[in-house]
Structures are given as C-alpha cells and as structure tokens.
Amino acid sequence: MNVTSGGSNPGNAVNPIAVQAMTEVGIDIESFVPQPFTRDDVTVADVVITMGCGDTCPIFPGKRYEDWVLEDPAGKPIDVVREIRDEIERRVETLYRSLVTS
C-alpha cells in the first residue's frame, strides 16, 4: 500500500505543533515539505481523501472519494492537535480495514 499526502493550497511549512504531536507517536515529519495535489496523484489513487478542499480538488470519475470533515489544526494548541491526529488515525484504520476486506 502506498500513501501520498498533498493539499489543494498547501502552506510553506509543516505546522510545528503537528510535528510535535506526530513525534509523540513516533512519526517524524519535521523534514516534510507541504506539497500540492497533482492530477497524477489523483489519477493513480484508489481512494482520495479530501478534508474540505471543495472545488479546488481535482475530481475524476470512477475514483472513490471521502471527505473527512476535521478541524483545521492551524493555530490550535497541542491538545487539540492530538485529538485531530487521533481521529485521523481512527479513520485511516477504518479505511484500511475496508480496503483489505473488499
């Protein structure tokens, strides 16, 4: 399984509070650079997860899309970012189970 992350309008740097929250669970994203979604990303994807990008996300017929409504972690304290992180983890685990059992 290959996972790609991107945004419709990514910032210039990864949120330092998000870096801290991910480090707490053993995931180092400090050197990551925000990337925009590309048409190629969506073309090769089996599932596209959006988080409120609306009309700016490329839509391709025949692709499975899920829009996960989540609070934006920008400017939020670490305890809120942890809750967002944990909710994303739950949703990813549920998605993964649905993919391996179908």
Protein backbone atom coordinates (compact mmCIF):
# COMPACT_ATOMS: atom_id res chain seq x y z
CA MET A 1 0.00 0.00 0.00
CA ASN A 2 1.31 3.41 -0.98
CA VAL A 3 0.07 6.60 0.68
CA THR A 4 0.57 10.11 -0.65
CA SER A 5 -0.33 13.33 1.09
CA GLY A 6 -0.93 16.69 -0.50
CA GLY A 7 -3.06 19.76 -0.27
CA SER A 8 -5.15 21.94 -2.53
CA ASN A 9 -3.45 25.06 -1.20
CA PRO A 10 -0.52 23.91 0.97
CA GLY A 11 1.40 26.25 3.22
CA ASN A 12 5.13 26.87 3.15
CA ALA A 13 6.00 24.68 6.14
CA VAL A 14 4.55 21.91 8.24
CA ASN A 15 2.75 23.13 11.36
CA PRO A 16 5.31 22.84 14.22
CA ILE A 17 2.57 21.74 16.64
CA ALA A 18 1.65 18.94 14.20
CA VAL A 19 5.33 17.95 14.08
CA GLN A 20 5.34 17.76 17.88
CA ALA A 21 2.10 15.73 18.01
CA MET A 22 3.36 13.25 15.42
CA THR A 23 6.75 12.92 17.14
CA GLU A 24 4.88 11.86 20.29
CA VAL A 25 3.64 8.77 18.44
CA GLY A 26 6.99 8.01 16.81
CA ILE A 27 6.40 9.62 13.41
CA ASP A 28 8.97 12.19 12.28
CA ILE A 29 7.52 14.71 9.82
CA GLU A 30 9.90 17.55 10.66
CA SER A 31 11.69 17.42 7.30
CA PHE A 32 8.47 17.18 5.27
CA VAL A 33 7.52 20.00 2.91
CA PRO A 34 3.84 20.68 2.12
CA GLN A 35 3.03 19.54 -1.42
CA PRO A 36 0.09 20.33 -3.69
CA PHE A 37 -2.05 17.52 -5.04
CA THR A 38 -1.32 16.82 -8.67
CA ARG A 39 -3.52 15.30 -11.34
CA ASP A 40 -1.15 12.32 -11.37
CA ASP A 41 -1.68 11.79 -7.61
CA VAL A 42 -5.41 11.51 -8.12
CA THR A 43 -5.18 9.52 -11.35
CA VAL A 44 -3.23 6.66 -9.73
CA ALA A 45 -5.13 6.68 -6.41
CA ASP A 46 -7.65 4.04 -5.44
CA VAL A 47 -9.12 6.29 -2.75
CA VAL A 48 -8.88 10.06 -2.46
CA ILE A 49 -9.45 11.59 0.97
CA THR A 50 -10.33 15.27 0.98
CA MET A 51 -10.56 17.49 4.02
CA GLY A 52 -12.73 20.35 2.94
CA CYS A 53 -10.98 21.47 -0.24
CA GLY A 54 -14.27 21.88 -2.09
CA ASP A 55 -13.99 22.75 -5.77
CA THR A 56 -10.19 23.07 -5.69
CA CYS A 57 -9.65 19.30 -5.52
CA PRO A 58 -9.42 17.51 -8.85
CA ILE A 59 -12.34 15.12 -9.36
CA PHE A 60 -12.01 12.10 -11.64
CA PRO A 61 -14.94 9.84 -12.49
CA GLY A 62 -14.64 6.33 -11.13
CA LYS A 63 -12.48 7.26 -8.15
CA ARG A 64 -13.59 6.63 -4.59
CA TYR A 65 -13.72 9.91 -2.68
CA GLU A 66 -14.25 10.51 1.01
CA ASP A 67 -14.46 13.97 2.53
CA TRP A 68 -13.30 13.90 6.11
CA VAL A 69 -14.63 16.93 7.96
CA LEU A 70 -11.98 17.71 10.55
CA GLU A 71 -10.95 20.78 12.48
CA ASP A 72 -8.00 22.61 10.91
CA PRO A 73 -5.04 22.23 13.30
CA ALA A 74 -3.53 25.59 12.26
CA GLY A 75 -3.10 27.79 15.32
CA LYS A 76 -4.58 25.19 17.69
CA PRO A 77 -2.93 24.10 20.96
CA ILE A 78 -1.21 20.73 21.19
CA ASP A 79 -4.10 19.01 22.99
CA VAL A 80 -6.49 19.88 20.12
CA VAL A 81 -3.92 18.80 17.52
CA ARG A 82 -3.54 15.46 19.37
CA GLU A 83 -7.31 14.92 19.13
CA ILE A 84 -7.22 15.64 15.38
CA ARG A 85 -4.24 13.31 14.95
CA ASP A 86 -6.01 10.53 16.83
CA GLU A 87 -9.21 10.98 14.81
CA ILE A 88 -7.26 10.77 11.55
CA GLU A 89 -5.61 7.59 12.81
CA ARG A 90 -9.03 6.04 13.59
CA ARG A 91 -10.33 6.95 10.14
CA VAL A 92 -7.22 5.62 8.38
CA GLU A 93 -7.50 2.33 10.27
CA THR A 94 -11.18 2.02 9.30
CA LEU A 95 -10.38 2.82 5.67
CA TYR A 96 -7.53 0.31 5.64
CA ARG A 97 -9.76 -2.45 7.03
CA SER A 98 -12.37 -1.69 4.36
CA LEU A 99 -9.74 -1.96 1.62
CA VAL A 100 -8.16 -5.22 2.74
CA THR A 101 -11.50 -6.96 3.28
CA SER A 102 -13.11 -5.94 -0.02
